[in-house]
Amino acid sequence: MAKLKKGDKIPSFTLTDQHGNLFNIDTIVGKKNLVIYFYPRNETKVCTAQACSFRDAYQDFQDADCEVIGISADDVKSHISFADNHSLPFILLSDGNKKIRKLFGVSNDLFVIPGRTTYVVNKEGIIIHVFSDQLSAGKHIKESLSALAQ
């Protein structure tokens, strides 16, 4: 599938969250705005900085009637540890087979590192902003909040 872009509807999907529960995106679409961010790996420098930036701005996202969802190929056990180590209040989903990453069209950066892409989605499930930047994790938060404010 081609990379999803602004104006596209996000696909329906179900993944396991950091608590070991199945999470279906359709339970939120229609009720809240979403920030869905794909990141390479738990506990790496840039990914941790990004997650902690989302954590620190989480109330701003809540004020925008938005839920934050992080997705990586890490397993549930790794997500539990990552969320606990950094007091992450948002949903982390395990995409071990990278099926959802492929469904969204998130490609690898530098040919080997899983890409870092953030999708801002309105309540109707329509993408209103897409941002990719492998090294500037903090920009994903600023870009997302700006898109939600418009």
N, C-alpha and C. Protein backbone atom coordinates (compact mmCIF):
# COMPACT_ATOMS: atom_id res chain seq x y z
N MET A 1 0.84 -1.19 0.00
CA MET A 1 0.00 0.00 0.00
C MET A 1 0.88 1.24 0.00
N ALA A 2 0.43 2.26 -0.70
CA ALA A 2 1.16 3.52 -0.74
C ALA A 2 1.09 4.21 0.62
N LYS A 3 2.02 5.10 0.84
CA LYS A 3 2.07 5.83 2.11
C LYS A 3 0.81 6.66 2.28
N LEU A 4 0.20 6.55 3.46
CA LEU A 4 -0.99 7.35 3.74
C LEU A 4 -0.59 8.82 3.82
N LYS A 5 -1.49 9.68 3.36
CA LYS A 5 -1.18 11.11 3.32
C LYS A 5 -2.37 11.92 3.83
N LYS A 6 -2.17 13.21 3.96
CA LYS A 6 -3.21 14.12 4.40
C LYS A 6 -4.45 13.92 3.53
N GLY A 7 -5.60 13.81 4.19
CA GLY A 7 -6.86 13.60 3.49
C GLY A 7 -7.31 12.15 3.43
N ASP A 8 -6.39 11.22 3.68
CA ASP A 8 -6.72 9.79 3.69
C ASP A 8 -7.38 9.40 5.00
N LYS A 9 -8.24 8.40 4.93
CA LYS A 9 -8.83 7.82 6.14
C LYS A 9 -7.89 6.74 6.64
N ILE A 10 -7.68 6.71 7.96
CA ILE A 10 -6.80 5.67 8.50
C ILE A 10 -7.50 4.32 8.42
N PRO A 11 -6.71 3.28 8.23
CA PRO A 11 -7.30 1.95 8.17
C PRO A 11 -7.68 1.44 9.56
N SER A 12 -8.59 0.53 9.59
CA SER A 12 -8.97 -0.14 10.83
C SER A 12 -7.86 -1.14 11.16
N PHE A 13 -7.51 -1.23 12.46
CA PHE A 13 -6.50 -2.21 12.86
C PHE A 13 -6.64 -2.54 14.34
N THR A 14 -6.09 -3.67 14.70
CA THR A 14 -6.06 -4.13 16.09
C THR A 14 -4.64 -4.61 16.40
N LEU A 15 -4.09 -4.13 17.51
CA LEU A 15 -2.77 -4.55 17.98
C LEU A 15 -2.84 -4.76 19.49
N THR A 16 -1.81 -5.36 20.04
CA THR A 16 -1.72 -5.57 21.48
C THR A 16 -1.05 -4.36 22.14
N ASP A 17 -1.67 -3.87 23.23
CA ASP A 17 -1.11 -2.71 23.92
C ASP A 17 -0.10 -3.13 24.99
N GLN A 18 0.44 -2.14 25.69
CA GLN A 18 1.48 -2.40 26.69
C GLN A 18 0.98 -3.15 27.91
N HIS A 19 -0.32 -3.36 28.01
CA HIS A 19 -0.89 -4.13 29.12
C HIS A 19 -1.24 -5.55 28.70
N GLY A 20 -0.97 -5.88 27.42
CA GLY A 20 -1.27 -7.20 26.91
C GLY A 20 -2.69 -7.35 26.40
N ASN A 21 -3.42 -6.24 26.32
CA ASN A 21 -4.81 -6.26 25.85
C ASN A 21 -4.88 -5.92 24.37
N LEU A 22 -5.83 -6.51 23.68
CA LEU A 22 -6.07 -6.13 22.29
C LEU A 22 -6.69 -4.74 22.25
N PHE A 23 -6.14 -3.91 21.39
CA PHE A 23 -6.63 -2.54 21.22
C PHE A 23 -7.06 -2.37 19.78
N ASN A 24 -8.33 -2.00 19.57
CA ASN A 24 -8.87 -1.77 18.24
C ASN A 24 -9.03 -0.27 18.05
N ILE A 25 -8.41 0.28 17.03
CA ILE A 25 -8.44 1.72 16.77
C ILE A 25 -9.87 2.23 16.59
N ASP A 26 -10.77 1.36 16.14
CA ASP A 26 -12.16 1.77 15.90
C ASP A 26 -12.89 2.15 17.18
N THR A 27 -12.33 1.78 18.35
CA THR A 27 -12.96 2.16 19.61
C THR A 27 -12.74 3.64 19.92
N ILE A 28 -11.80 4.29 19.22
CA ILE A 28 -11.52 5.71 19.46
C ILE A 28 -11.96 6.59 18.29
N VAL A 29 -11.80 6.07 17.06
CA VAL A 29 -12.20 6.86 15.89
C VAL A 29 -13.68 7.23 16.03
N GLY A 30 -13.98 8.47 15.79
CA GLY A 30 -15.34 8.98 15.93
C GLY A 30 -15.57 9.62 17.29
N LYS A 31 -14.64 9.41 18.21
CA LYS A 31 -14.79 9.96 19.57
C LYS A 31 -13.71 10.98 19.92
N LYS A 32 -12.50 10.77 19.43
CA LYS A 32 -11.38 11.63 19.77
C LYS A 32 -10.50 11.87 18.55
N ASN A 33 -9.75 12.97 18.60
CA ASN A 33 -8.66 13.17 17.66
C ASN A 33 -7.55 12.20 18.06
N LEU A 34 -6.65 11.93 17.14
CA LEU A 34 -5.57 10.99 17.41
C LEU A 34 -4.23 11.52 16.93
N VAL A 35 -3.21 11.21 17.67
CA VAL A 35 -1.84 11.32 17.18
C VAL A 35 -1.29 9.91 17.24
N ILE A 36 -0.99 9.37 16.07
CA ILE A 36 -0.43 8.03 15.96
C ILE A 36 1.00 8.21 15.49
N TYR A 37 1.94 7.83 16.36
CA TYR A 37 3.33 7.99 15.95
C TYR A 37 4.06 6.65 15.92
N PHE A 38 4.73 6.43 14.81
CA PHE A 38 5.54 5.24 14.61
C PHE A 38 6.98 5.60 14.96
N TYR A 39 7.63 4.76 15.75
CA TYR A 39 9.00 5.03 16.16
C TYR A 39 9.81 3.74 16.08
N PRO A 40 11.13 3.86 15.97
CA PRO A 40 11.96 2.68 15.75
C PRO A 40 12.06 1.69 16.91
N ARG A 41 12.38 2.17 18.14
CA ARG A 41 12.69 1.19 19.18
C ARG A 41 12.63 1.82 20.57
N ASN A 42 12.10 1.06 21.52
CA ASN A 42 12.06 1.50 22.92
C ASN A 42 13.47 1.66 23.48
N GLU A 43 13.60 2.60 24.39
CA GLU A 43 14.82 2.84 25.18
C GLU A 43 16.03 3.30 24.39
N THR A 44 15.86 3.70 23.15
CA THR A 44 16.96 4.33 22.44
C THR A 44 16.88 5.83 22.70
N LYS A 45 17.96 6.52 22.50
CA LYS A 45 18.06 7.94 22.88
C LYS A 45 16.95 8.81 22.26
N VAL A 46 16.83 8.78 20.95
CA VAL A 46 15.87 9.66 20.28
C VAL A 46 14.43 9.20 20.56
N CYS A 47 14.19 7.90 20.57
CA CYS A 47 12.84 7.39 20.82
C CYS A 47 12.39 7.70 22.25
N THR A 48 13.30 7.60 23.19
CA THR A 48 12.97 7.94 24.58
C THR A 48 12.69 9.43 24.69
N ALA A 49 13.50 10.26 24.05
CA ALA A 49 13.26 11.70 24.08
C ALA A 49 11.89 12.03 23.48
N GLN A 50 11.53 11.37 22.40
CA GLN A 50 10.24 11.60 21.76
C GLN A 50 9.10 11.19 22.68
N ALA A 51 9.18 10.00 23.24
CA ALA A 51 8.13 9.52 24.14
C ALA A 51 7.98 10.43 25.35
N CYS A 52 9.10 10.86 25.91
CA CYS A 52 9.03 11.74 27.09
C CYS A 52 8.48 13.11 26.72
N SER A 53 8.74 13.57 25.51
CA SER A 53 8.16 14.84 25.05
C SER A 53 6.65 14.72 24.89
N PHE A 54 6.19 13.58 24.35
CA PHE A 54 4.74 13.35 24.28
C PHE A 54 4.16 13.27 25.69
N ARG A 55 4.87 12.63 26.60
CA ARG A 55 4.42 12.53 27.99
C ARG A 55 4.30 13.92 28.61
N ASP A 56 5.33 14.74 28.42
CA ASP A 56 5.34 16.07 29.03
C ASP A 56 4.26 16.98 28.47
N ALA A 57 3.85 16.75 27.22
CA ALA A 57 2.80 17.55 26.60
C ALA A 57 1.45 16.84 26.60
N TYR A 58 1.36 15.71 27.29
CA TYR A 58 0.15 14.88 27.23
C TYR A 58 -1.11 15.66 27.62
N GLN A 59 -1.02 16.52 28.62
CA GLN A 59 -2.19 17.29 29.02
C GLN A 59 -2.64 18.22 27.89
N ASP A 60 -1.70 18.77 27.14
CA ASP A 60 -2.05 19.61 25.99
C ASP A 60 -2.82 18.81 24.95
N PHE A 61 -2.41 17.57 24.75
CA PHE A 61 -3.13 16.70 23.81
C PHE A 61 -4.52 16.36 24.36
N GLN A 62 -4.61 16.07 25.64
CA GLN A 62 -5.90 15.79 26.26
C GLN A 62 -6.83 17.01 26.13
N ASP A 63 -6.28 18.20 26.33
CA ASP A 63 -7.06 19.43 26.19
C ASP A 63 -7.59 19.61 24.76
N ALA A 64 -6.88 19.03 23.79
CA ALA A 64 -7.31 19.08 22.38
C ALA A 64 -8.19 17.88 22.03
N ASP A 65 -8.71 17.19 23.05
CA ASP A 65 -9.55 16.01 22.88
C ASP A 65 -8.87 14.98 21.98
N CYS A 66 -7.61 14.71 22.32
CA CYS A 66 -6.76 13.87 21.49
C CYS A 66 -6.11 12.77 22.32
N GLU A 67 -6.04 11.58 21.74
CA GLU A 67 -5.32 10.47 22.35
C GLU A 67 -4.03 10.25 21.58
N VAL A 68 -2.95 9.99 22.29
CA VAL A 68 -1.64 9.72 21.70
C VAL A 68 -1.42 8.21 21.70
N ILE A 69 -0.95 7.70 20.56
CA ILE A 69 -0.68 6.28 20.42
C ILE A 69 0.69 6.11 19.78
N GLY A 70 1.58 5.41 20.48
CA GLY A 70 2.90 5.10 19.94
C GLY A 70 2.93 3.66 19.45
N ILE A 71 3.53 3.45 18.28
CA ILE A 71 3.60 2.11 17.69
C ILE A 71 5.04 1.81 17.29
N SER A 72 5.53 0.65 17.75
CA SER A 72 6.82 0.15 17.30
C SER A 72 6.74 -1.37 17.20
N ALA A 73 7.81 -1.97 16.70
CA ALA A 73 7.84 -3.43 16.56
C ALA A 73 8.24 -4.12 17.87
N ASP A 74 8.55 -3.33 18.91
CA ASP A 74 8.93 -3.94 20.19
C ASP A 74 7.79 -4.77 20.74
N ASP A 75 8.14 -5.80 21.52
CA ASP A 75 7.11 -6.67 22.07
C ASP A 75 6.45 -6.04 23.30
N VAL A 76 5.40 -6.68 23.77
CA VAL A 76 4.61 -6.16 24.89
C VAL A 76 5.47 -5.99 26.14
N LYS A 77 6.32 -6.97 26.42
CA LYS A 77 7.18 -6.89 27.60
C LYS A 77 8.07 -5.64 27.54
N SER A 78 8.62 -5.35 26.39
CA SER A 78 9.45 -4.16 26.20
C SER A 78 8.62 -2.89 26.39
N HIS A 79 7.38 -2.90 25.87
CA HIS A 79 6.49 -1.73 26.03
C HIS A 79 6.14 -1.50 27.50
N ILE A 80 5.89 -2.57 28.24
CA ILE A 80 5.58 -2.44 29.67
C ILE A 80 6.75 -1.75 30.37
N SER A 81 7.93 -2.23 30.14
CA SER A 81 9.13 -1.67 30.76
C SER A 81 9.34 -0.22 30.36
N PHE A 82 9.20 0.07 29.07
CA PHE A 82 9.39 1.43 28.53
C PHE A 82 8.39 2.39 29.17
N ALA A 83 7.12 2.00 29.20
CA ALA A 83 6.07 2.84 29.79
C ALA A 83 6.32 3.07 31.28
N ASP A 84 6.71 2.01 31.99
CA ASP A 84 6.98 2.13 33.43
C ASP A 84 8.22 2.98 33.70
N ASN A 85 9.28 2.76 32.96
CA ASN A 85 10.53 3.48 33.18
C ASN A 85 10.39 4.99 32.98
N HIS A 86 9.46 5.39 32.12
CA HIS A 86 9.36 6.81 31.76
C HIS A 86 7.98 7.40 32.08
N SER A 87 7.18 6.68 32.86
CA SER A 87 5.85 7.15 33.27
C SER A 87 5.03 7.64 32.07
N LEU A 88 4.95 6.81 31.06
CA LEU A 88 4.22 7.19 29.84
C LEU A 88 2.73 6.96 30.05
N PRO A 89 1.90 8.01 29.92
CA PRO A 89 0.48 7.88 30.19
C PRO A 89 -0.37 7.47 28.98
N PHE A 90 0.27 7.31 27.83
CA PHE A 90 -0.49 7.04 26.61
C PHE A 90 -0.32 5.60 26.17
N ILE A 91 -1.02 5.25 25.12
CA ILE A 91 -1.07 3.88 24.60
C ILE A 91 0.18 3.57 23.77
N LEU A 92 0.79 2.43 24.05
CA LEU A 92 1.87 1.89 23.23
C LEU A 92 1.38 0.59 22.62
N LEU A 93 1.56 0.43 21.33
CA LEU A 93 1.10 -0.77 20.63
C LEU A 93 2.26 -1.52 20.01
N SER A 94 2.17 -2.84 20.09
CA SER A 94 3.21 -3.71 19.56
C SER A 94 2.84 -4.18 18.15
N ASP A 95 3.67 -3.82 17.20
CA ASP A 95 3.48 -4.18 15.79
C ASP A 95 4.66 -5.05 15.36
N GLY A 96 4.79 -6.20 16.02
CA GLY A 96 5.94 -7.09 15.83
C GLY A 96 6.19 -7.52 14.41
N ASN A 97 5.14 -7.75 13.65
CA ASN A 97 5.33 -8.17 12.26
C ASN A 97 5.34 -6.98 11.29
N LYS A 98 5.26 -5.77 11.85
CA LYS A 98 5.30 -4.51 11.09
C LYS A 98 4.17 -4.40 10.07
N LYS A 99 3.10 -5.12 10.32
CA LYS A 99 1.95 -5.11 9.40
C LYS A 99 1.29 -3.73 9.35
N ILE A 100 1.12 -3.10 10.51
CA ILE A 100 0.44 -1.80 10.55
C ILE A 100 1.37 -0.71 10.01
N ARG A 101 2.65 -0.81 10.31
CA ARG A 101 3.64 0.11 9.74
C ARG A 101 3.53 0.07 8.21
N LYS A 102 3.45 -1.13 7.65
CA LYS A 102 3.33 -1.29 6.20
C LYS A 102 1.98 -0.77 5.71
N LEU A 103 0.92 -1.01 6.48
CA LEU A 103 -0.41 -0.55 6.11
C LEU A 103 -0.46 0.97 5.98
N PHE A 104 0.27 1.67 6.87
CA PHE A 104 0.35 3.12 6.82
C PHE A 104 1.37 3.60 5.79
N GLY A 105 2.22 2.69 5.34
CA GLY A 105 3.24 3.05 4.37
C GLY A 105 4.45 3.73 4.98
N VAL A 106 4.74 3.44 6.25
CA VAL A 106 5.89 4.03 6.92
C VAL A 106 7.13 3.24 6.50
N SER A 107 8.01 3.89 5.78
CA SER A 107 9.20 3.20 5.27
C SER A 107 10.36 3.31 6.26
N ASN A 108 11.38 2.53 5.98
CA ASN A 108 12.61 2.61 6.78
C ASN A 108 13.38 3.86 6.37
N ASP A 109 14.07 4.45 7.35
CA ASP A 109 14.99 5.55 7.07
C ASP A 109 16.38 4.96 6.97
N LEU A 110 17.20 5.50 6.12
CA LEU A 110 18.57 5.03 5.94
C LEU A 110 18.60 3.53 5.61
N PHE A 111 17.52 3.04 5.02
CA PHE A 111 17.37 1.68 4.52
C PHE A 111 17.25 0.59 5.59
N VAL A 112 17.60 0.86 6.83
CA VAL A 112 17.54 -0.19 7.85
C VAL A 112 16.77 0.22 9.11
N ILE A 113 16.81 1.47 9.47
CA ILE A 113 16.15 1.92 10.69
C ILE A 113 14.68 2.15 10.40
N PRO A 114 13.78 1.54 11.19
CA PRO A 114 12.36 1.79 10.99
C PRO A 114 12.07 3.29 11.07
N GLY A 115 11.25 3.79 10.17
CA GLY A 115 10.97 5.21 10.09
C GLY A 115 10.24 5.77 11.30
N ARG A 116 10.41 7.09 11.48
CA ARG A 116 9.74 7.83 12.55
C ARG A 116 8.75 8.77 11.87
N THR A 117 7.48 8.43 11.92
CA THR A 117 6.44 9.21 11.26
C THR A 117 5.27 9.40 12.21
N THR A 118 4.74 10.60 12.22
CA THR A 118 3.59 10.93 13.06
C THR A 118 2.41 11.33 12.18
N TYR A 119 1.25 10.76 12.50
CA TYR A 119 0.00 11.07 11.82
C TYR A 119 -0.93 11.76 12.81
N VAL A 120 -1.46 12.91 12.42
CA VAL A 120 -2.47 13.59 13.23
C VAL A 120 -3.80 13.33 12.52
N VAL A 121 -4.76 12.82 13.28
CA VAL A 121 -6.01 12.32 12.71
C VAL A 121 -7.18 12.98 13.42
N ASN A 122 -8.16 13.47 12.64
CA ASN A 122 -9.32 14.10 13.27
C ASN A 122 -10.30 13.04 13.77
N LYS A 123 -11.36 13.48 14.41
CA LYS A 123 -12.31 12.54 15.02
C LYS A 123 -12.97 11.63 14.00
N GLU A 124 -13.03 12.06 12.74
CA GLU A 124 -13.64 11.24 11.70
C GLU A 124 -12.68 10.20 11.14
N GLY A 125 -11.45 10.20 11.63
CA GLY A 125 -10.47 9.22 11.16
C GLY A 125 -9.71 9.67 9.93
N ILE A 126 -9.79 10.97 9.60
CA ILE A 126 -9.11 11.51 8.43
C ILE A 126 -7.78 12.13 8.86
N ILE A 127 -6.73 11.80 8.14
CA ILE A 127 -5.40 12.35 8.44
C ILE A 127 -5.39 13.83 8.08
N ILE A 128 -5.04 14.67 9.05
CA ILE A 128 -4.98 16.12 8.81
C ILE A 128 -3.53 16.62 8.74
N HIS A 129 -2.58 15.78 9.14
CA HIS A 129 -1.17 16.19 9.07
C HIS A 129 -0.29 14.95 9.18
N VAL A 130 0.80 14.94 8.42
CA VAL A 130 1.79 13.87 8.48
C VAL A 130 3.16 14.53 8.63
N PHE A 131 3.96 14.00 9.54
CA PHE A 131 5.28 14.57 9.77
C PHE A 131 6.29 13.44 9.94
N SER A 132 7.39 13.51 9.19
CA SER A 132 8.46 12.52 9.30
C SER A 132 9.78 13.25 9.55
N ASP A 133 10.48 12.84 10.57
CA ASP A 133 11.80 13.37 10.85
C ASP A 133 12.49 12.40 11.79
N GLN A 134 13.49 11.70 11.30
CA GLN A 134 14.13 10.65 12.08
C GLN A 134 14.88 11.17 13.30
N LEU A 135 15.51 12.32 13.19
CA LEU A 135 16.40 12.77 14.25
C LEU A 135 15.82 13.85 15.16
N SER A 136 14.82 14.56 14.73
CA SER A 136 14.26 15.66 15.53
C SER A 136 12.94 15.23 16.16
N ALA A 137 13.03 14.36 17.14
CA ALA A 137 11.84 13.79 17.76
C ALA A 137 10.94 14.85 18.38
N GLY A 138 11.52 15.87 18.97
CA GLY A 138 10.73 16.92 19.63
C GLY A 138 9.84 17.68 18.67
N LYS A 139 10.23 17.76 17.41
CA LYS A 139 9.42 18.47 16.43
C LYS A 139 8.07 17.78 16.20
N HIS A 140 8.01 16.47 16.44
CA HIS A 140 6.77 15.73 16.23
C HIS A 140 5.67 16.25 17.16
N ILE A 141 6.02 16.63 18.37
CA ILE A 141 5.06 17.12 19.34
C ILE A 141 4.56 18.49 18.91
N LYS A 142 5.50 19.37 18.58
CA LYS A 142 5.15 20.73 18.14
C LYS A 142 4.28 20.70 16.88
N GLU A 143 4.67 19.90 15.91
CA GLU A 143 3.91 19.77 14.66
C GLU A 143 2.50 19.23 14.93
N SER A 144 2.40 18.25 15.82
CA SER A 144 1.11 17.64 16.12
C SER A 144 0.17 18.62 16.82
N LEU A 145 0.69 19.33 17.81
CA LEU A 145 -0.16 20.30 18.53
C LEU A 145 -0.58 21.43 17.61
N SER A 146 0.30 21.86 16.74
CA SER A 146 -0.03 22.91 15.77
C SER A 146 -1.14 22.45 14.83
N ALA A 147 -1.05 21.23 14.34
CA ALA A 147 -2.08 20.70 13.44
C ALA A 147 -3.42 20.58 14.14
N LEU A 148 -3.42 20.18 15.41
CA LEU A 148 -4.67 20.05 16.17
C LEU A 148 -5.31 21.41 16.45
N ALA A 149 -4.49 22.45 16.54
CA ALA A 149 -5.00 23.79 16.83
C ALA A 149 -5.68 24.42 15.62
N GLN A 150 -5.40 23.91 14.44
CA GLN A 150 -5.96 24.52 13.22
C GLN A 150 -7.38 24.06 12.94
